[in-house]
């Protein structure tokens, strides 16, 4: 029986210190060399999603620098779609190449995905997700005058940065198309960057200025395609309790209730590990199936013996 795994790729799987297209494609090719081990093992079907935070930030910066009346910057939902498309293209090309040289027969497709959010989500009243460049105290007044709707926060002494809402995903507009492709055995790339955030109201679909956390969309996607497992790949092999403290311990296998207790105790930073853990908890609770958090370079060990942080039902 084929095991269906939804894999959420972190930014380290895509972007290195060099933000050029060639460097990002090279990083994605190396990622594909790890992912192909799933397909080569046989009886595994992959559904992939990925982050796009650095790419969105870079594209926003490019647009601001070249923005004019005749060449206006695009809104954030459109920027999300643009970066979802470029990364989806690169990832599909990389996987197709690895499939070819391994003599495998899987088909790969990328679906530009719109993720429905609730306009009443509290995130819209309190934006928290930083994007784009840093501004000095002297630069801030001019930027605020140019973009009066933008909100800013001070960021760790490095200046001021725009913040946007990060609402939770409610549903995925391309659900039926995604399900049909998955049922047909396609290796699918979907929900990139959390999907393009939209609000659906009275038959109209409207993009919104927001960024959706890709791990929460990955959990929603995993439920949608009836995945056997959610695998969140990040920069570390294990989730740690008491991270960077003398009492630090690596979590290898834990019940969903025990993991929730650690979240409630404030064990995980809001900007890094917390959303990954919360997304994993959501999937386990809603499906009764396991979720795994580990690193991309640990994929071989994960395939061999399930190495990583495994969150299981109670």
Protein backbone atom coordinates (compact mmCIF):
# COMPACT_ATOMS: atom_id res chain seq x y z
CA UNK A 1 0.00 0.00 0.00
CA UNK A 2 1.32 3.44 -0.95
CA UNK A 3 2.18 5.74 1.94
CA UNK A 4 1.21 9.36 1.28
CA UNK A 5 3.42 11.98 2.95
CA UNK A 6 3.00 15.73 2.90
CA UNK A 7 6.40 17.38 3.17
CA UNK A 8 6.79 21.02 4.22
CA UNK A 9 10.14 22.45 3.12
CA UNK A 10 11.77 25.21 5.15
CA UNK A 11 13.58 28.18 3.66
CA UNK A 12 16.98 26.51 4.10
CA UNK A 13 15.94 24.06 1.38
CA UNK A 14 15.66 26.90 -1.13
CA UNK A 15 17.74 29.95 -0.31
CA UNK A 16 21.43 30.20 0.54
CA UNK A 17 23.47 33.37 1.10
CA UNK A 18 23.33 34.01 -2.64
CA UNK A 19 19.79 35.13 -3.65
CA UNK A 20 20.37 34.80 -7.40
CA UNK A 21 18.10 32.53 -9.43
CA UNK A 22 21.02 30.23 -10.28
CA UNK A 23 22.02 29.81 -6.63
CA UNK A 24 18.45 29.11 -5.54
CA UNK A 25 18.02 26.56 -8.31
CA UNK A 26 21.23 24.86 -7.21
CA UNK A 27 19.99 24.71 -3.61
CA UNK A 28 16.67 23.27 -4.77
CA UNK A 29 18.48 20.67 -6.87
CA UNK A 30 20.32 19.52 -3.74
CA UNK A 31 16.99 19.39 -1.94
CA UNK A 32 15.54 17.29 -4.75
CA UNK A 33 18.43 14.84 -4.36
CA UNK A 34 17.23 14.22 -0.80
CA UNK A 35 13.53 14.10 -1.68
CA UNK A 36 14.06 11.63 -4.50
CA UNK A 37 15.01 9.05 -1.86
CA UNK A 38 11.35 8.91 -0.85
CA UNK A 39 10.26 8.05 -4.38
CA UNK A 40 13.15 5.68 -4.97
CA UNK A 41 12.20 3.75 -1.84
CA UNK A 42 8.94 2.79 -3.55
CA UNK A 43 5.36 2.81 -2.26
CA UNK A 44 5.64 6.47 -1.22
CA UNK A 45 3.74 9.37 -2.71
CA UNK A 46 4.85 12.93 -1.99
CA UNK A 47 2.86 16.10 -1.74
CA UNK A 48 5.24 19.03 -1.28
CA UNK A 49 4.80 22.53 0.01
CA UNK A 50 7.44 25.15 0.72
CA UNK A 51 8.15 28.52 2.26
CA UNK A 52 8.70 31.71 0.26
CA UNK A 53 9.48 34.31 2.92
CA UNK A 54 12.95 35.38 1.69
CA UNK A 55 11.76 35.43 -1.92
CA UNK A 56 8.76 37.61 -1.04
CA UNK A 57 11.02 39.98 0.88
CA UNK A 58 13.48 40.25 -2.00
CA UNK A 59 10.75 40.77 -4.59
CA UNK A 60 9.05 43.44 -2.47
CA UNK A 61 12.41 45.23 -2.18
CA UNK A 62 12.99 45.03 -5.94
CA UNK A 63 9.54 46.45 -6.61
CA UNK A 64 9.92 49.30 -4.15
CA UNK A 65 13.21 50.31 -5.73
CA UNK A 66 11.73 50.32 -9.22
CA UNK A 67 8.23 51.48 -8.37
CA UNK A 68 6.66 54.35 -10.30
CA UNK A 69 3.28 55.42 -11.66
CA UNK A 70 4.01 53.63 -14.92
CA UNK A 71 5.57 50.63 -13.20
CA UNK A 72 3.70 50.20 -9.89
CA UNK A 73 4.62 47.66 -7.24
CA UNK A 74 2.27 44.68 -7.07
CA UNK A 75 0.13 43.96 -3.99
CA UNK A 76 1.29 41.32 -1.54
CA UNK A 77 -1.10 38.57 -2.67
CA UNK A 78 0.20 38.94 -6.22
CA UNK A 79 3.81 38.89 -5.00
CA UNK A 80 2.96 35.66 -3.15
CA UNK A 81 1.63 34.15 -6.35
CA UNK A 82 4.73 35.24 -8.28
CA UNK A 83 7.12 33.62 -5.81
CA UNK A 84 4.94 30.53 -5.47
CA UNK A 85 5.21 30.15 -9.24
CA UNK A 86 8.97 30.59 -9.45
CA UNK A 87 9.75 28.16 -6.62
CA UNK A 88 7.19 25.67 -7.92
CA UNK A 89 8.85 25.82 -11.33
CA UNK A 90 12.34 25.30 -9.92
CA UNK A 91 11.23 22.46 -7.66
CA UNK A 92 9.33 20.66 -10.41
CA UNK A 93 12.30 20.96 -12.78
CA UNK A 94 14.68 19.64 -10.12
CA UNK A 95 12.46 16.67 -9.27
CA UNK A 96 11.91 15.85 -12.95
CA UNK A 97 15.67 15.75 -13.45
CA UNK A 98 16.26 13.45 -10.46
CA UNK A 99 13.39 11.19 -11.56
CA UNK A 100 14.94 10.98 -15.03
CA UNK A 101 18.48 10.09 -13.94
CA UNK A 102 17.17 7.53 -11.42
CA UNK A 103 15.07 5.86 -14.10
CA UNK A 104 11.84 6.40 -12.16
CA UNK A 105 8.43 7.08 -13.69
CA UNK A 106 6.65 9.50 -11.35
CA UNK A 107 4.90 12.55 -12.77
CA UNK A 108 5.30 15.98 -11.18
CA UNK A 109 2.90 18.92 -11.21
CA UNK A 110 2.76 22.32 -9.54
CA UNK A 111 -0.58 23.86 -8.61
CA UNK A 112 -0.81 27.59 -7.97
CA UNK A 113 -2.83 27.53 -4.76
CA UNK A 114 -5.20 30.03 -3.19
CA UNK A 115 -5.77 29.64 0.54
CA UNK A 116 -9.01 30.96 1.99
CA UNK A 117 -8.71 32.95 5.22
CA UNK A 118 -11.35 34.46 7.49
CA UNK A 119 -11.68 38.24 7.25
CA UNK A 120 -12.58 38.19 10.97
CA UNK A 121 -9.29 36.50 11.89
CA UNK A 122 -7.68 38.46 14.78
CA UNK A 123 -4.45 38.60 12.78
CA UNK A 124 -5.94 41.34 10.60
CA UNK A 125 -6.34 43.57 13.66
CA UNK A 126 -2.82 42.89 14.92
CA UNK A 127 -0.28 42.33 12.11
CA UNK A 128 2.85 40.55 13.33
CA UNK A 129 4.68 39.13 10.31
CA UNK A 130 7.72 41.23 9.30
CA UNK A 131 8.46 41.50 5.57
CA UNK A 132 10.68 43.56 3.33
CA UNK A 133 13.59 45.87 4.13
CA UNK A 134 14.56 47.72 7.31
CA UNK A 135 14.05 51.47 7.52
CA UNK A 136 15.89 53.98 9.68
CA UNK A 137 14.14 56.55 11.86
CA UNK A 138 14.92 59.18 9.21
CA UNK A 139 13.54 57.07 6.34
CA UNK A 140 10.33 56.05 8.09
CA UNK A 141 8.26 59.29 7.66
CA UNK A 142 8.66 59.29 3.87
CA UNK A 143 7.73 55.60 3.61
CA UNK A 144 4.66 56.13 5.80
CA UNK A 145 3.61 59.04 3.62
CA UNK A 146 4.01 56.95 0.48
CA UNK A 147 2.23 53.91 1.97
CA UNK A 148 -0.19 55.24 4.60
CA UNK A 149 -1.86 51.85 5.15
CA UNK A 150 1.36 50.08 6.10
CA UNK A 151 2.14 49.28 9.73
CA UNK A 152 5.66 49.13 11.18
CA UNK A 153 7.46 47.74 14.23
CA UNK A 154 10.94 48.24 15.62
CA UNK A 155 12.98 45.11 14.91
CA UNK A 156 15.78 44.19 17.34
CA UNK A 157 17.64 47.47 17.03
CA UNK A 158 18.06 47.05 13.27
CA UNK A 159 15.48 49.68 12.37
CA UNK A 160 11.80 49.58 11.51
CA UNK A 161 10.11 46.96 9.40
CA UNK A 162 6.72 46.56 7.81
CA UNK A 163 4.42 43.99 9.44
CA UNK A 164 1.46 42.27 7.78
CA UNK A 165 -1.27 39.93 9.04
CA UNK A 166 -0.63 36.20 9.21
CA UNK A 167 -4.10 34.63 9.37
CA UNK A 168 -4.76 30.91 9.78
CA UNK A 169 -5.83 28.97 6.68
CA UNK A 170 -9.50 27.99 6.59
CA UNK A 171 -9.66 26.03 3.34
CA UNK A 172 -7.93 25.63 -0.01
CA UNK A 173 -9.74 26.80 -3.14
CA UNK A 174 -8.10 24.24 -5.41
CA UNK A 175 -9.08 21.38 -3.07
CA UNK A 176 -10.88 19.24 -5.64
CA UNK A 177 -8.16 19.69 -8.25
CA UNK A 178 -5.45 18.81 -5.73
CA UNK A 179 -7.37 15.73 -4.59
CA UNK A 180 -7.84 14.56 -8.18
CA UNK A 181 -4.14 14.89 -8.99
CA UNK A 182 -3.10 13.12 -5.80
CA UNK A 183 -5.56 10.30 -6.42
CA UNK A 184 -4.02 9.95 -9.88
CA UNK A 185 -0.61 9.33 -8.29
CA UNK A 186 1.02 12.65 -9.20
CA UNK A 187 3.91 13.97 -7.13
CA UNK A 188 2.39 17.32 -6.31
CA UNK A 189 3.76 20.73 -5.33
CA UNK A 190 1.01 22.89 -3.83
CA UNK A 191 0.32 25.53 -1.20
CA UNK A 192 3.71 27.16 -1.68
CA UNK A 193 4.39 29.98 0.76
CA UNK A 194 1.19 29.02 2.56
CA UNK A 195 -0.80 29.76 -0.58
CA UNK A 196 -2.08 33.07 -1.91
CA UNK A 197 -4.31 34.49 0.87
CA UNK A 198 -7.85 35.20 -0.32
CA UNK A 199 -11.23 35.99 1.17
CA UNK A 200 -14.27 34.34 -0.39
CA UNK A 201 -17.50 36.31 -0.04
CA UNK A 202 -20.77 36.02 -1.95
CA UNK A 203 -19.11 34.31 -4.88
CA UNK A 204 -16.27 36.82 -5.12
CA UNK A 205 -12.66 35.93 -4.38
CA UNK A 206 -10.42 38.78 -3.27
CA UNK A 207 -6.71 38.65 -2.50
CA UNK A 208 -5.58 40.24 0.76
CA UNK A 209 -2.38 41.85 2.01
CA UNK A 210 -1.25 39.01 4.26
CA UNK A 211 1.18 36.11 4.55
CA UNK A 212 0.08 32.63 5.64
CA UNK A 213 2.45 30.41 7.59
CA UNK A 214 3.33 27.55 5.28
CA UNK A 215 3.36 24.97 8.10
CA UNK A 216 -0.30 25.59 8.91
CA UNK A 217 -1.18 25.29 5.24
CA UNK A 218 0.86 22.08 5.09
CA UNK A 219 -1.25 20.65 7.92
CA UNK A 220 -4.44 21.69 6.12
CA UNK A 221 -3.13 20.19 2.88
CA UNK A 222 -2.22 16.94 4.66
CA UNK A 223 -5.78 16.63 5.95
CA UNK A 224 -7.18 17.44 2.51
CA UNK A 225 -5.25 14.68 0.71
CA UNK A 226 -5.75 12.13 3.51
CA UNK A 227 -2.01 11.93 4.18
CA UNK A 228 -0.60 9.13 6.30
CA UNK A 229 1.98 11.50 7.73
CA UNK A 230 2.97 15.14 7.88
CA UNK A 231 6.72 15.76 7.66
CA UNK A 232 8.01 19.24 8.44
CA UNK A 233 11.61 19.74 7.38
CA UNK A 234 13.56 22.50 9.09
CA UNK A 235 17.15 23.33 10.06
CA UNK A 236 17.45 20.98 13.07
CA UNK A 237 17.22 17.21 13.47
CA UNK A 238 15.04 17.32 16.60
CA UNK A 239 12.76 19.72 18.39
CA UNK A 240 14.42 20.60 21.71
CA UNK A 241 13.04 21.21 25.16
CA UNK A 242 14.87 24.03 27.01
CA UNK A 243 16.61 25.00 23.78
CA UNK A 244 20.14 26.44 24.22
CA UNK A 245 20.04 25.92 27.98
CA UNK A 246 22.13 23.53 30.09
CA UNK A 247 19.01 21.38 30.58
CA UNK A 248 18.37 21.10 26.82
CA UNK A 249 16.96 17.73 25.78
CA UNK A 250 16.07 16.47 22.32
CA UNK A 251 12.52 15.26 21.80
CA UNK A 252 12.40 12.07 19.77
CA UNK A 253 8.93 10.66 20.39
CA UNK A 254 6.13 12.41 22.24
CA UNK A 255 2.36 12.29 22.54
CA UNK A 256 0.30 15.14 21.14
CA UNK A 257 -0.94 16.07 24.63
CA UNK A 258 2.59 16.20 26.05
CA UNK A 259 3.72 18.37 23.13
CA UNK A 260 0.80 20.74 23.66
CA UNK A 261 1.81 21.08 27.30
CA UNK A 262 5.28 22.18 26.18
CA UNK A 263 3.73 24.75 23.83
CA UNK A 264 1.54 26.07 26.66
CA UNK A 265 4.62 26.34 28.87
CA UNK A 266 6.26 28.67 26.33
CA UNK A 267 8.97 26.23 25.28
CA UNK A 268 9.07 27.23 21.62
CA UNK A 269 9.84 30.65 20.06
CA UNK A 270 6.89 32.21 18.25
CA UNK A 271 8.92 33.14 15.17
CA UNK A 272 10.60 29.80 14.54
CA UNK A 273 9.71 26.44 16.10
CA UNK A 274 6.29 27.24 17.61
CA UNK A 275 4.27 27.35 14.35
CA UNK A 276 5.86 24.09 13.20
CA UNK A 277 4.93 22.36 16.43
CA UNK A 278 1.42 23.82 16.43
CA UNK A 279 0.85 22.74 12.82
CA UNK A 280 2.05 19.22 13.65
CA UNK A 281 -0.25 19.10 16.69
CA UNK A 282 -3.20 20.22 14.55
CA UNK A 283 -2.62 17.44 12.03
CA UNK A 284 -2.23 14.72 14.68
CA UNK A 285 -5.36 15.82 16.54
CA UNK A 286 -7.50 16.12 13.42
CA UNK A 287 -6.41 12.87 11.79
CA UNK A 288 -5.08 10.54 14.49
CA UNK A 289 -1.92 10.12 12.40
CA UNK A 290 1.69 11.02 13.22
CA UNK A 291 3.62 14.16 12.37
CA UNK A 292 7.40 14.41 12.19
CA UNK A 293 9.72 17.40 12.51
CA UNK A 294 13.33 16.93 11.44
CA UNK A 295 16.01 18.34 9.15
CA UNK A 296 16.45 17.98 5.41
CA UNK A 297 19.89 16.40 5.84
CA UNK A 298 18.34 13.79 8.15
CA UNK A 299 15.99 12.42 5.49
CA UNK A 300 18.02 9.21 5.00
CA UNK A 301 17.94 8.41 8.72
CA UNK A 302 14.25 9.25 8.84
CA UNK A 303 13.58 6.85 5.97
CA UNK A 304 15.73 4.15 7.58
CA UNK A 305 14.28 4.18 11.08
CA UNK A 306 11.94 7.13 11.54
CA UNK A 307 14.62 9.32 13.13
CA UNK A 308 13.39 12.79 14.10
CA UNK A 309 10.84 14.30 16.46
CA UNK A 310 7.73 12.16 16.09
CA UNK A 311 4.44 13.43 17.51
CA UNK A 312 1.89 10.66 17.92
CA UNK A 313 -1.76 10.47 19.00
CA UNK A 314 -2.46 9.87 22.71
